Amino acid sequence: MLVLTRKVGEKINIGDDIVLSVLEINRGNVRLGIDAPRNVTVLRQEVYERIKAENVKSAQGSKTAVFRVVRLWKAAGSRDKE
């Protein structure tokens, strides 16, 4: 992890397209401005983790749903043969 010290008004460049600006420091809080291309997703860590967890949950649910559909399809196929 790279650790940098910046003052209000100072900036950090990430690659060629992303600029991180320190806007305000107040009572232990830091306000940051992020200038990034529209195709770059910028999320707070807690939002990112929640989305990631929901995606995993969704993928697991889909697997179960697929197995149910396959069973129903097989059952319907065996009834058609009778």
C-alpha atoms as a PDB file:
ATOM      1  CA  MET A   1       0.000   0.000   0.000  1.00  0.00           C
ATOM      2  CA  LEU A   2       1.282   3.414  -0.944  1.00  0.00           C
ATOM      3  CA  VAL A   3       0.735   6.001   1.801  1.00  0.00           C
ATOM      4  CA  LEU A   4       0.865   9.682   0.877  1.00  0.00           C
ATOM      5  CA  THR A   5       0.412  12.886   2.836  1.00  0.00           C
ATOM      6  CA  ARG A   6      -1.533  15.630   1.087  1.00  0.00           C
ATOM      7  CA  LYS A   7      -2.853  19.020   2.154  1.00  0.00           C
ATOM      8  CA  VAL A   8      -6.150  20.640   1.180  1.00  0.00           C
ATOM      9  CA  GLY A   9      -6.016  21.590  -2.485  1.00  0.00           C
ATOM     10  CA  GLU A  10      -3.327  19.074  -3.357  1.00  0.00           C
ATOM     11  CA  LYS A  11      -3.993  16.273  -5.819  1.00  0.00           C
ATOM     12  CA  ILE A  12      -2.928  12.743  -6.651  1.00  0.00           C
ATOM     13  CA  ASN A  13      -2.923  11.352 -10.188  1.00  0.00           C
ATOM     14  CA  ILE A  14      -3.831   7.698 -10.701  1.00  0.00           C
ATOM     15  CA  GLY A  15      -2.774   6.731 -14.193  1.00  0.00           C
ATOM     16  CA  ASP A  16      -3.483   9.255 -16.934  1.00  0.00           C
ATOM     17  CA  ASP A  17      -7.228   9.592 -16.394  1.00  0.00           C
ATOM     18  CA  ILE A  18      -7.967   9.776 -12.655  1.00  0.00           C
ATOM     19  CA  VAL A  19      -7.273  12.719 -10.344  1.00  0.00           C
ATOM     20  CA  LEU A  20      -7.936  12.549  -6.608  1.00  0.00           C
ATOM     21  CA  SER A  21      -8.233  15.968  -4.902  1.00  0.00           C
ATOM     22  CA  VAL A  22      -8.224  16.720  -1.180  1.00  0.00           C
ATOM     23  CA  LEU A  23     -11.107  19.170  -0.775  1.00  0.00           C
ATOM     24  CA  GLU A  24     -11.423  19.518   2.987  1.00  0.00           C
ATOM     25  CA  ILE A  25     -10.062  18.109   6.224  1.00  0.00           C
ATOM     26  CA  ASN A  26     -12.307  18.643   9.237  1.00  0.00           C
ATOM     27  CA  ARG A  27     -12.327  16.870  12.638  1.00  0.00           C
ATOM     28  CA  GLY A  28     -10.932  13.602  11.359  1.00  0.00           C
ATOM     29  CA  ASN A  29     -12.977  13.597   8.161  1.00  0.00           C
ATOM     30  CA  VAL A  30     -11.449  14.041   4.746  1.00  0.00           C
ATOM     31  CA  ARG A  31     -13.512  15.159   1.748  1.00  0.00           C
ATOM     32  CA  LEU A  32     -12.108  13.887  -1.516  1.00  0.00           C
ATOM     33  CA  GLY A  33     -12.973  14.827  -5.064  1.00  0.00           C
ATOM     34  CA  ILE A  34     -12.498  12.200  -7.739  1.00  0.00           C
ATOM     35  CA  ASP A  35     -12.249  13.152 -11.385  1.00  0.00           C
ATOM     36  CA  ALA A  36     -12.477   9.993 -13.475  1.00  0.00           C
ATOM     37  CA  PRO A  37     -13.845   9.025 -16.899  1.00  0.00           C
ATOM     38  CA  ARG A  38     -17.508   8.002 -16.963  1.00  0.00           C
ATOM     39  CA  ASN A  39     -16.585   4.411 -17.786  1.00  0.00           C
ATOM     40  CA  VAL A  40     -14.682   4.078 -14.479  1.00  0.00           C
ATOM     41  CA  THR A  41     -16.843   2.992 -11.552  1.00  0.00           C
ATOM     42  CA  VAL A  42     -16.047   4.758  -8.288  1.00  0.00           C
ATOM     43  CA  LEU A  43     -17.664   3.315  -5.156  1.00  0.00           C
ATOM     44  CA  ARG A  44     -17.228   3.645  -1.405  1.00  0.00           C
ATOM     45  CA  GLN A  45     -15.773   0.429   0.045  1.00  0.00           C
ATOM     46  CA  GLU A  46     -18.928  -0.466   1.985  1.00  0.00           C
ATOM     47  CA  VAL A  47     -21.073  -0.089  -1.151  1.00  0.00           C
ATOM     48  CA  TYR A  48     -18.625  -2.164  -3.188  1.00  0.00           C
ATOM     49  CA  GLU A  49     -18.657  -4.943  -0.563  1.00  0.00           C
ATOM     50  CA  ARG A  50     -22.483  -4.967  -0.437  1.00  0.00           C
ATOM     51  CA  ILE A  51     -22.736  -5.199  -4.246  1.00  0.00           C
ATOM     52  CA  LYS A  52     -20.153  -7.974  -4.281  1.00  0.00           C
ATOM     53  CA  ALA A  53     -22.070  -9.934  -1.613  1.00  0.00           C
ATOM     54  CA  GLU A  54     -25.361  -9.483  -3.482  1.00  0.00           C
ATOM     55  CA  ASN A  55     -23.748 -10.716  -6.707  1.00  0.00           C
ATOM     56  CA  VAL A  56     -22.480 -13.850  -4.968  1.00  0.00           C
ATOM     57  CA  LYS A  57     -25.907 -14.411  -3.393  1.00  0.00           C
ATOM     58  CA  SER A  58     -27.611 -13.892  -6.747  1.00  0.00           C
ATOM     59  CA  ALA A  59     -25.294 -16.315  -8.514  1.00  0.00           C
ATOM     60  CA  GLN A  60     -25.934 -18.989  -5.888  1.00  0.00           C
ATOM     61  CA  GLY A  61     -29.676 -18.479  -6.179  1.00  0.00           C
ATOM     62  CA  SER A  62     -29.504 -18.776  -9.943  1.00  0.00           C
ATOM     63  CA  LYS A  63     -27.744 -22.114  -9.709  1.00  0.00           C
ATOM     64  CA  THR A  64     -30.532 -23.511  -7.549  1.00  0.00           C
ATOM     65  CA  ALA A  65     -33.174 -22.116  -9.903  1.00  0.00           C
ATOM     66  CA  VAL A  66     -31.469 -23.737 -12.897  1.00  0.00           C
ATOM     67  CA  PHE A  67     -31.486 -27.140 -11.171  1.00  0.00           C
ATOM     68  CA  ARG A  68     -35.211 -26.750 -10.444  1.00  0.00           C
ATOM     69  CA  VAL A  69     -35.949 -25.904 -14.074  1.00  0.00           C
ATOM     70  CA  VAL A  70     -33.927 -28.894 -15.282  1.00  0.00           C
ATOM     71  CA  ARG A  71     -35.851 -31.213 -12.942  1.00  0.00           C
ATOM     72  CA  LEU A  72     -39.187 -29.794 -14.103  1.00  0.00           C
ATOM     73  CA  TRP A  73     -38.128 -30.113 -17.742  1.00  0.00           C
ATOM     74  CA  LYS A  74     -37.071 -33.735 -17.251  1.00  0.00           C
ATOM     75  CA  ALA A  75     -40.312 -34.503 -15.421  1.00  0.00           C
ATOM     76  CA  ALA A  76     -42.362 -32.921 -18.209  1.00  0.00           C
ATOM     77  CA  GLY A  77     -40.408 -34.904 -20.805  1.00  0.00           C
ATOM     78  CA  SER A  78     -41.055 -38.209 -19.046  1.00  0.00           C
ATOM     79  CA  ARG A  79     -44.803 -37.422 -18.871  1.00  0.00           C
ATOM     80  CA  ASP A  80     -44.881 -36.684 -22.620  1.00  0.00           C
ATOM     81  CA  LYS A  81     -43.556 -40.209 -23.349  1.00  0.00           C
ATOM     82  CA  GLU A  82     -46.451 -41.866 -21.520  1.00  0.00           C
END
